[in-house]
Amino acid sequence: MTKAHTTHPELKCTFQLDIIGVKKNPNGNMYSQLGVLTKGTIIEVNVSELGLVTPGGKVVWGKYAQVTNNPENDGCVNAVLLV
């Protein structure tokens, strides 16, 4: 899976964003290294198309999001952006 349906909690909008990689999997370090997506996994998503800017004026490229569903059962990845 290369895309995740990611919800921005402040904007209350959902965007389909590219998954950059797996940061941490709660089921174990081995799952994190293999890049396995399960419920609760922290993933890094590409938010450059959202136009988020830092206070210094730089464009934000990647942010973390937490998977909220079971991708192995649903066939898609739903996540909430961690802001």
PDB file of N, CA and C in Angstrom:
ATOM      1  N   MET A   1       0.843  -1.174   0.000  1.00  0.00           N
ATOM      2  CA  MET A   1       0.000   0.000   0.000  1.00  0.00           C
ATOM      3  C   MET A   1       0.888   1.237   0.000  1.00  0.00           C
ATOM      4  N   THR A   2       0.599   2.147  -0.889  1.00  0.00           N
ATOM      5  CA  THR A   2       1.448   3.323  -1.009  1.00  0.00           C
ATOM      6  C   THR A   2       0.749   4.593  -0.555  1.00  0.00           C
ATOM      7  N   LYS A   3      -0.561   4.551  -0.363  1.00  0.00           N
ATOM      8  CA  LYS A   3      -1.310   5.746   0.031  1.00  0.00           C
ATOM      9  C   LYS A   3      -2.118   5.463   1.292  1.00  0.00           C
ATOM     10  N   ALA A   4      -2.367   6.536   2.052  1.00  0.00           N
ATOM     11  CA  ALA A   4      -3.160   6.423   3.271  1.00  0.00           C
ATOM     12  C   ALA A   4      -4.214   7.520   3.276  1.00  0.00           C
ATOM     13  N   HIS A   5      -5.429   7.184   3.681  1.00  0.00           N
ATOM     14  CA  HIS A   5      -6.497   8.165   3.859  1.00  0.00           C
ATOM     15  C   HIS A   5      -6.254   8.818   5.213  1.00  0.00           C
ATOM     16  N   THR A   6      -5.676  10.017   5.192  1.00  0.00           N
ATOM     17  CA  THR A   6      -5.213  10.674   6.407  1.00  0.00           C
ATOM     18  C   THR A   6      -6.114  11.842   6.757  1.00  0.00           C
ATOM     19  N   THR A   7      -6.591  11.879   8.000  1.00  0.00           N
ATOM     20  CA  THR A   7      -7.469  12.949   8.477  1.00  0.00           C
ATOM     21  C   THR A   7      -6.652  13.950   9.276  1.00  0.00           C
ATOM     22  N   HIS A   8      -6.828  15.222   8.965  1.00  0.00           N
ATOM     23  CA  HIS A   8      -6.198  16.298   9.728  1.00  0.00           C
ATOM     24  C   HIS A   8      -7.159  16.667  10.858  1.00  0.00           C
ATOM     25  N   PRO A   9      -6.760  16.502  12.132  1.00  0.00           N
ATOM     26  CA  PRO A   9      -7.703  16.687  13.241  1.00  0.00           C
ATOM     27  C   PRO A   9      -8.190  18.126  13.418  1.00  0.00           C
ATOM     28  N   GLU A  10      -7.390  19.114  13.042  1.00  0.00           N
ATOM     29  CA  GLU A  10      -7.800  20.507  13.207  1.00  0.00           C
ATOM     30  C   GLU A  10      -8.662  20.979  12.037  1.00  0.00           C
ATOM     31  N   LEU A  11      -8.319  20.542  10.824  1.00  0.00           N
ATOM     32  CA  LEU A  11      -9.078  20.950   9.641  1.00  0.00           C
ATOM     33  C   LEU A  11     -10.341  20.125   9.437  1.00  0.00           C
ATOM     34  N   LYS A  12     -10.408  18.940  10.066  1.00  0.00           N
ATOM     35  CA  LYS A  12     -11.532  18.006   9.919  1.00  0.00           C
ATOM     36  C   LYS A  12     -11.729  17.593   8.458  1.00  0.00           C
ATOM     37  N   CYS A  13     -10.616  17.443   7.737  1.00  0.00           N
ATOM     38  CA  CYS A  13     -10.643  17.029   6.335  1.00  0.00           C
ATOM     39  C   CYS A  13      -9.775  15.786   6.170  1.00  0.00           C
ATOM     40  N   THR A  14     -10.125  14.968   5.203  1.00  0.00           N
ATOM     41  CA  THR A  14      -9.365  13.764   4.914  1.00  0.00           C
ATOM     42  C   THR A  14      -8.683  13.904   3.557  1.00  0.00           C
ATOM     43  N   PHE A  15      -7.405  13.533   3.511  1.00  0.00           N
ATOM     44  CA  PHE A  15      -6.619  13.617   2.289  1.00  0.00           C
ATOM     45  C   PHE A  15      -6.005  12.254   2.012  1.00  0.00           C
ATOM     46  N   GLN A  16      -5.810  11.956   0.723  1.00  0.00           N
ATOM     47  CA  GLN A  16      -5.134  10.724   0.349  1.00  0.00           C
ATOM     48  C   GLN A  16      -3.660  11.067   0.122  1.00  0.00           C
ATOM     49  N   LEU A  17      -2.801  10.650   1.066  1.00  0.00           N
ATOM     50  CA  LEU A  17      -1.394  11.032   1.056  1.00  0.00           C
ATOM     51  C   LEU A  17      -0.504   9.812   0.845  1.00  0.00           C
ATOM     52  N   ASP A  18       0.661  10.054   0.242  1.00  0.00           N
ATOM     53  CA  ASP A  18       1.636   8.987   0.027  1.00  0.00           C
ATOM     54  C   ASP A  18       2.302   8.596   1.344  1.00  0.00           C
ATOM     55  N   ILE A  19       2.506   7.292   1.532  1.00  0.00           N
ATOM     56  CA  ILE A  19       3.211   6.790   2.712  1.00  0.00           C
ATOM     57  C   ILE A  19       4.699   6.779   2.393  1.00  0.00           C
ATOM     58  N   ILE A  20       5.494   7.455   3.233  1.00  0.00           N
ATOM     59  CA  ILE A  20       6.946   7.481   3.057  1.00  0.00           C
ATOM     60  C   ILE A  20       7.580   6.258   3.699  1.00  0.00           C
ATOM     61  N   GLY A  21       7.137   5.910   4.917  1.00  0.00           N
ATOM     62  CA  GLY A  21       7.707   4.755   5.600  1.00  0.00           C
ATOM     63  C   GLY A  21       7.065   4.519   6.943  1.00  0.00           C
ATOM     64  N   VAL A  22       7.471   3.425   7.581  1.00  0.00           N
ATOM     65  CA  VAL A  22       6.957   3.055   8.901  1.00  0.00           C
ATOM     66  C   VAL A  22       7.959   3.524   9.949  1.00  0.00           C
ATOM     67  N   LYS A  23       7.485   4.280  10.930  1.00  0.00           N
ATOM     68  CA  LYS A  23       8.349   4.790  11.994  1.00  0.00           C
ATOM     69  C   LYS A  23       8.392   3.819  13.169  1.00  0.00           C
ATOM     70  N   LYS A  24       7.194   3.412  13.662  1.00  0.00           N
ATOM     71  CA  LYS A  24       7.151   2.523  14.838  1.00  0.00           C
ATOM     72  C   LYS A  24       5.883   1.684  14.782  1.00  0.00           C
ATOM     73  N   ASN A  25       6.048   0.404  15.025  1.00  0.00           N
ATOM     74  CA  ASN A  25       4.917  -0.510  15.085  1.00  0.00           C
ATOM     75  C   ASN A  25       4.777  -0.996  16.525  1.00  0.00           C
ATOM     76  N   PRO A  26       3.575  -0.875  17.124  1.00  0.00           N
ATOM     77  CA  PRO A  26       3.405  -1.275  18.527  1.00  0.00           C
ATOM     78  C   PRO A  26       3.508  -2.782  18.762  1.00  0.00           C
ATOM     79  N   ASN A  27       3.458  -3.574  17.701  1.00  0.00           N
ATOM     80  CA  ASN A  27       3.520  -5.027  17.855  1.00  0.00           C
ATOM     81  C   ASN A  27       4.939  -5.563  17.932  1.00  0.00           C
ATOM     82  N   GLY A  28       5.935  -4.699  17.792  1.00  0.00           N
ATOM     83  CA  GLY A  28       7.304  -5.172  17.932  1.00  0.00           C
ATOM     84  C   GLY A  28       8.261  -4.461  16.995  1.00  0.00           C
ATOM     85  N   ASN A  29       9.530  -4.506  17.361  1.00  0.00           N
ATOM     86  CA  ASN A  29      10.572  -3.853  16.582  1.00  0.00           C
ATOM     87  C   ASN A  29      10.766  -4.523  15.222  1.00  0.00           C
ATOM     88  N   MET A  30      10.557  -5.834  15.157  1.00  0.00           N
ATOM     89  CA  MET A  30      10.722  -6.554  13.892  1.00  0.00           C
ATOM     90  C   MET A  30       9.704  -6.069  12.855  1.00  0.00           C
ATOM     91  N   TYR A  31       8.458  -5.822  13.297  1.00  0.00           N
ATOM     92  CA  TYR A  31       7.432  -5.309  12.379  1.00  0.00           C
ATOM     93  C   TYR A  31       7.800  -3.920  11.875  1.00  0.00           C
ATOM     94  N   SER A  32       8.430  -3.106  12.730  1.00  0.00           N
ATOM     95  CA  SER A  32       8.851  -1.766  12.320  1.00  0.00           C
ATOM     96  C   SER A  32       9.925  -1.856  11.244  1.00  0.00           C
ATOM     97  N   GLN A  33      10.875  -2.755  11.421  1.00  0.00           N
ATOM     98  CA  GLN A  33      11.961  -2.910  10.458  1.00  0.00           C
ATOM     99  C   GLN A  33      11.460  -3.459   9.129  1.00  0.00           C
ATOM    100  N   LEU A  34      10.476  -4.346   9.179  1.00  0.00           N
ATOM    101  CA  LEU A  34       9.933  -4.933   7.944  1.00  0.00           C
ATOM    102  C   LEU A  34       8.931  -4.016   7.256  1.00  0.00           C
ATOM    103  N   GLY A  35       8.440  -3.003   7.976  1.00  0.00           N
ATOM    104  CA  GLY A  35       7.479  -2.076   7.390  1.00  0.00           C
ATOM    105  C   GLY A  35       6.052  -2.600   7.373  1.00  0.00           C
ATOM    106  N   VAL A  36       5.701  -3.438   8.345  1.00  0.00           N
ATOM    107  CA  VAL A  36       4.362  -4.016   8.425  1.00  0.00           C
ATOM    108  C   VAL A  36       3.395  -2.977   9.007  1.00  0.00           C
ATOM    109  N   LEU A  37       2.231  -2.814   8.362  1.00  0.00           N
ATOM    110  CA  LEU A  37       1.222  -1.873   8.829  1.00  0.00           C
ATOM    111  C   LEU A  37       0.141  -2.604   9.605  1.00  0.00           C
ATOM    112  N   THR A  38      -0.021  -2.246  10.875  1.00  0.00           N
ATOM    113  CA  THR A  38      -1.090  -2.767  11.712  1.00  0.00           C
ATOM    114  C   THR A  38      -1.745  -1.589  12.416  1.00  0.00           C
ATOM    115  N   LYS A  39      -2.805  -1.851  13.160  1.00  0.00           N
ATOM    116  CA  LYS A  39      -3.489  -0.788  13.896  1.00  0.00           C
ATOM    117  C   LYS A  39      -2.557  -0.216  14.964  1.00  0.00           C
ATOM    118  N   GLY A  40      -2.453   1.115  15.004  1.00  0.00           N
ATOM    119  CA  GLY A  40      -1.608   1.786  15.973  1.00  0.00           C
ATOM    120  C   GLY A  40      -0.214   2.114  15.459  1.00  0.00           C
ATOM    121  N   THR A  41       0.127   1.670  14.256  1.00  0.00           N
ATOM    122  CA  THR A  41       1.445   1.930  13.691  1.00  0.00           C
ATOM    123  C   THR A  41       1.611   3.425  13.402  1.00  0.00           C
ATOM    124  N   ILE A  42       2.791   3.950  13.721  1.00  0.00           N
ATOM    125  CA  ILE A  42       3.121   5.334  13.389  1.00  0.00           C
ATOM    126  C   ILE A  42       3.811   5.322  12.025  1.00  0.00           C
ATOM    127  N   ILE A  43       3.213   6.018  11.051  1.00  0.00           N
ATOM    128  CA  ILE A  43       3.770   6.082   9.706  1.00  0.00           C
ATOM    129  C   ILE A  43       4.151   7.522   9.381  1.00  0.00           C
ATOM    130  N   GLU A  44       5.025   7.689   8.400  1.00  0.00           N
ATOM    131  CA  GLU A  44       5.385   9.014   7.923  1.00  0.00           C
ATOM    132  C   GLU A  44       4.710   9.209   6.571  1.00  0.00           C
ATOM    133  N   VAL A  45       3.988  10.325   6.430  1.00  0.00           N
ATOM    134  CA  VAL A  45       3.266  10.608   5.190  1.00  0.00           C
ATOM    135  C   VAL A  45       3.787  11.904   4.572  1.00  0.00           C
ATOM    136  N   ASN A  46       3.648  12.006   3.258  1.00  0.00           N
ATOM    137  CA  ASN A  46       4.104  13.174   2.507  1.00  0.00           C
ATOM    138  C   ASN A  46       2.992  14.225   2.505  1.00  0.00           C
ATOM    139  N   VAL A  47       3.200  15.336   3.232  1.00  0.00           N
ATOM    140  CA  VAL A  47       2.181  16.387   3.338  1.00  0.00           C
ATOM    141  C   VAL A  47       2.546  17.619   2.516  1.00  0.00           C
ATOM    142  N   SER A  48       3.479  17.490   1.572  1.00  0.00           N
ATOM    143  CA  SER A  48       3.916  18.656   0.795  1.00  0.00           C
ATOM    144  C   SER A  48       2.773  19.228  -0.041  1.00  0.00           C
ATOM    145  N   GLU A  49       1.846  18.384  -0.496  1.00  0.00           N
ATOM    146  CA  GLU A  49       0.741  18.883  -1.317  1.00  0.00           C
ATOM    147  C   GLU A  49      -0.316  19.634  -0.513  1.00  0.00           C
ATOM    148  N   LEU A  50      -0.264  19.535   0.836  1.00  0.00           N
ATOM    149  CA  LEU A  50      -1.208  20.278   1.671  1.00  0.00           C
ATOM    150  C   LEU A  50      -0.799  21.731   1.836  1.00  0.00           C
ATOM    151  N   GLY A  51       0.465  22.051   1.558  1.00  0.00           N
ATOM    152  CA  GLY A  51       0.942  23.417   1.663  1.00  0.00           C
ATOM    153  C   GLY A  51       1.186  23.871   3.082  1.00  0.00           C
ATOM    154  N   LEU A  52       1.536  22.953   3.989  1.00  0.00           N
ATOM    155  CA  LEU A  52       1.839  23.332   5.366  1.00  0.00           C
ATOM    156  C   LEU A  52       3.211  24.010   5.412  1.00  0.00           C
ATOM    157  N   VAL A  53       3.298  25.125   6.140  1.00  0.00           N
ATOM    158  CA  VAL A  53       4.523  25.907   6.205  1.00  0.00           C
ATOM    159  C   VAL A  53       4.925  26.090   7.667  1.00  0.00           C
ATOM    160  N   THR A  54       6.229  26.020   7.944  1.00  0.00           N
ATOM    161  CA  THR A  54       6.745  26.256   9.292  1.00  0.00           C
ATOM    162  C   THR A  54       6.745  27.756   9.574  1.00  0.00           C
ATOM    163  N   PRO A  55       6.876  28.151  10.845  1.00  0.00           N
ATOM    164  CA  PRO A  55       6.955  29.587  11.155  1.00  0.00           C
ATOM    165  C   PRO A  55       8.127  30.286  10.455  1.00  0.00           C
ATOM    166  N   GLY A  56       9.180  29.541  10.122  1.00  0.00           N
ATOM    167  CA  GLY A  56      10.326  30.099   9.420  1.00  0.00           C
ATOM    168  C   GLY A  56      10.106  30.261   7.928  1.00  0.00           C
ATOM    169  N   GLY A  57       8.992  29.740   7.413  1.00  0.00           N
ATOM    170  CA  GLY A  57       8.674  29.882   5.998  1.00  0.00           C
ATOM    171  C   GLY A  57       9.030  28.684   5.137  1.00  0.00           C
ATOM    172  N   LYS A  58       9.527  27.598   5.734  1.00  0.00           N
ATOM    173  CA  LYS A  58       9.877  26.413   4.960  1.00  0.00           C
ATOM    174  C   LYS A  58       8.653  25.517   4.799  1.00  0.00           C
ATOM    175  N   VAL A  59       8.574  24.846   3.660  1.00  0.00           N
ATOM    176  CA  VAL A  59       7.462  23.932   3.393  1.00  0.00           C
ATOM    177  C   VAL A  59       7.695  22.622   4.135  1.00  0.00           C
ATOM    178  N   VAL A  60       6.664  22.147   4.822  1.00  0.00           N
ATOM    179  CA  VAL A  60       6.751  20.875   5.550  1.00  0.00           C
ATOM    180  C   VAL A  60       6.603  19.746   4.546  1.00  0.00           C
ATOM    181  N   TRP A  61       7.534  18.784   4.587  1.00  0.00           N
ATOM    182  CA  TRP A  61       7.533  17.713   3.606  1.00  0.00           C
ATOM    183  C   TRP A  61       6.916  16.424   4.152  1.00  0.00           C
ATOM    184  N   GLY A  62       7.315  16.010   5.355  1.00  0.00           N
ATOM    185  CA  GLY A  62       6.800  14.771   5.933  1.00  0.00           C
ATOM    186  C   GLY A  62       6.323  14.975   7.357  1.00  0.00           C
ATOM    187  N   LYS A  63       5.207  14.311   7.696  1.00  0.00           N
ATOM    188  CA  LYS A  63       4.682  14.352   9.063  1.00  0.00           C
ATOM    189  C   LYS A  63       4.281  12.944   9.449  1.00  0.00           C
ATOM    190  N   TYR A  64       4.125  12.748  10.758  1.00  0.00           N
ATOM    191  CA  TYR A  64       3.741  11.435  11.256  1.00  0.00           C
ATOM    192  C   TYR A  64       2.225  11.333  11.389  1.00  0.00           C
ATOM    193  N   ALA A  65       1.727  10.121  11.193  1.00  0.00           N
ATOM    194  CA  ALA A  65       0.302   9.823  11.355  1.00  0.00           C
ATOM    195  C   ALA A  65       0.183   8.450  11.997  1.00  0.00           C
ATOM    196  N   GLN A  66      -0.928   8.231  12.707  1.00  0.00           N
ATOM    197  CA  GLN A  66      -1.162   6.942  13.371  1.00  0.00           C
ATOM    198  C   GLN A  66      -2.287   6.209  12.667  1.00  0.00           C
ATOM    199  N   VAL A  67      -2.048   4.940  12.345  1.00  0.00           N
ATOM    200  CA  VAL A  67      -3.044   4.107  11.661  1.00  0.00           C
ATOM    201  C   VAL A  67      -4.178   3.794  12.622  1.00  0.00           C
ATOM    202  N   THR A  68      -5.427   3.997  12.171  1.00  0.00           N
ATOM    203  CA  THR A  68      -6.591   3.826  13.044  1.00  0.00           C
ATOM    204  C   THR A  68      -7.435   2.602  12.701  1.00  0.00           C
ATOM    205  N   ASN A  69      -7.090   1.882  11.640  1.00  0.00           N
ATOM    206  CA  ASN A  69      -7.861   0.696  11.279  1.00  0.00           C
ATOM    207  C   ASN A  69      -6.925  -0.504  11.143  1.00  0.00           C
ATOM    208  N   ASN A  70      -7.494  -1.646  10.808  1.00  0.00           N
ATOM    209  CA  ASN A  70      -6.708  -2.848  10.546  1.00  0.00           C
ATOM    210  C   ASN A  70      -6.556  -2.999   9.034  1.00  0.00           C
ATOM    211  N   PRO A  71      -5.433  -2.554   8.454  1.00  0.00           N
ATOM    212  CA  PRO A  71      -5.277  -2.598   6.998  1.00  0.00           C
ATOM    213  C   PRO A  71      -5.358  -4.008   6.422  1.00  0.00           C
ATOM    214  N   GLU A  72      -4.948  -5.016   7.203  1.00  0.00           N
ATOM    215  CA  GLU A  72      -4.997  -6.380   6.681  1.00  0.00           C
ATOM    216  C   GLU A  72      -6.437  -6.865   6.504  1.00  0.00           C
ATOM    217  N   ASN A  73      -7.372  -6.296   7.246  1.00  0.00           N
ATOM    218  CA  ASN A  73      -8.784  -6.678   7.119  1.00  0.00           C
ATOM    219  C   ASN A  73      -9.523  -5.799   6.123  1.00  0.00           C
ATOM    220  N   ASP A  74      -9.216  -4.495   6.103  1.00  0.00           N
ATOM    221  CA  ASP A  74      -9.974  -3.547   5.301  1.00  0.00           C
ATOM    222  C   ASP A  74      -9.439  -3.359   3.889  1.00  0.00           C
ATOM    223  N   GLY A  75      -8.160  -3.593   3.678  1.00  0.00           N
ATOM    224  CA  GLY A  75      -7.599  -3.399   2.355  1.00  0.00           C
ATOM    225  C   GLY A  75      -7.198  -1.962   2.063  1.00  0.00           C
ATOM    226  N   CYS A  76      -7.351  -1.059   3.027  1.00  0.00           N
ATOM    227  CA  CYS A  76      -6.915   0.331   2.869  1.00  0.00           C
ATOM    228  C   CYS A  76      -6.330   0.793   4.197  1.00  0.00           C
ATOM    229  N   VAL A  77      -5.633   1.934   4.158  1.00  0.00           N
ATOM    230  CA  VAL A  77      -5.016   2.467   5.367  1.00  0.00           C
ATOM    231  C   VAL A  77      -5.712   3.764   5.728  1.00  0.00           C
ATOM    232  N   ASN A  78      -6.278   3.825   6.932  1.00  0.00           N
ATOM    233  CA  ASN A  78      -6.856   5.060   7.474  1.00  0.00           C
ATOM    234  C   ASN A  78      -5.962   5.515   8.610  1.00  0.00           C
ATOM    235  N   ALA A  79      -5.699   6.830   8.676  1.00  0.00           N
ATOM    236  CA  ALA A  79      -4.792   7.337   9.699  1.00  0.00           C
ATOM    237  C   ALA A  79      -5.221   8.732  10.126  1.00  0.00           C
ATOM    238  N   VAL A  80      -4.726   9.140  11.303  1.00  0.00           N
ATOM    239  CA  VAL A  80      -4.948  10.488  11.826  1.00  0.00           C
ATOM    240  C   VAL A  80      -3.591  11.168  11.924  1.00  0.00           C
ATOM    241  N   LEU A  81      -3.493  12.366  11.374  1.00  0.00           N
ATOM    242  CA  LEU A  81      -2.251  13.122  11.394  1.00  0.00           C
ATOM    243  C   LEU A  81      -1.934  13.549  12.817  1.00  0.00           C
ATOM    244  N   LEU A  82      -0.699  13.384  13.238  1.00  0.00           N
ATOM    245  CA  LEU A  82      -0.265  13.786  14.569  1.00  0.00           C
ATOM    246  C   LEU A  82       0.285  15.211  14.484  1.00  0.00           C
ATOM    247  N   VAL A  83      -0.455  16.162  15.057  1.00  0.00           N
ATOM    248  CA  VAL A  83      -0.017  17.567  14.978  1.00  0.00           C
ATOM    249  C   VAL A  83       0.361  18.089  16.344  1.00  0.00           C
TER     250      VAL A  83
END
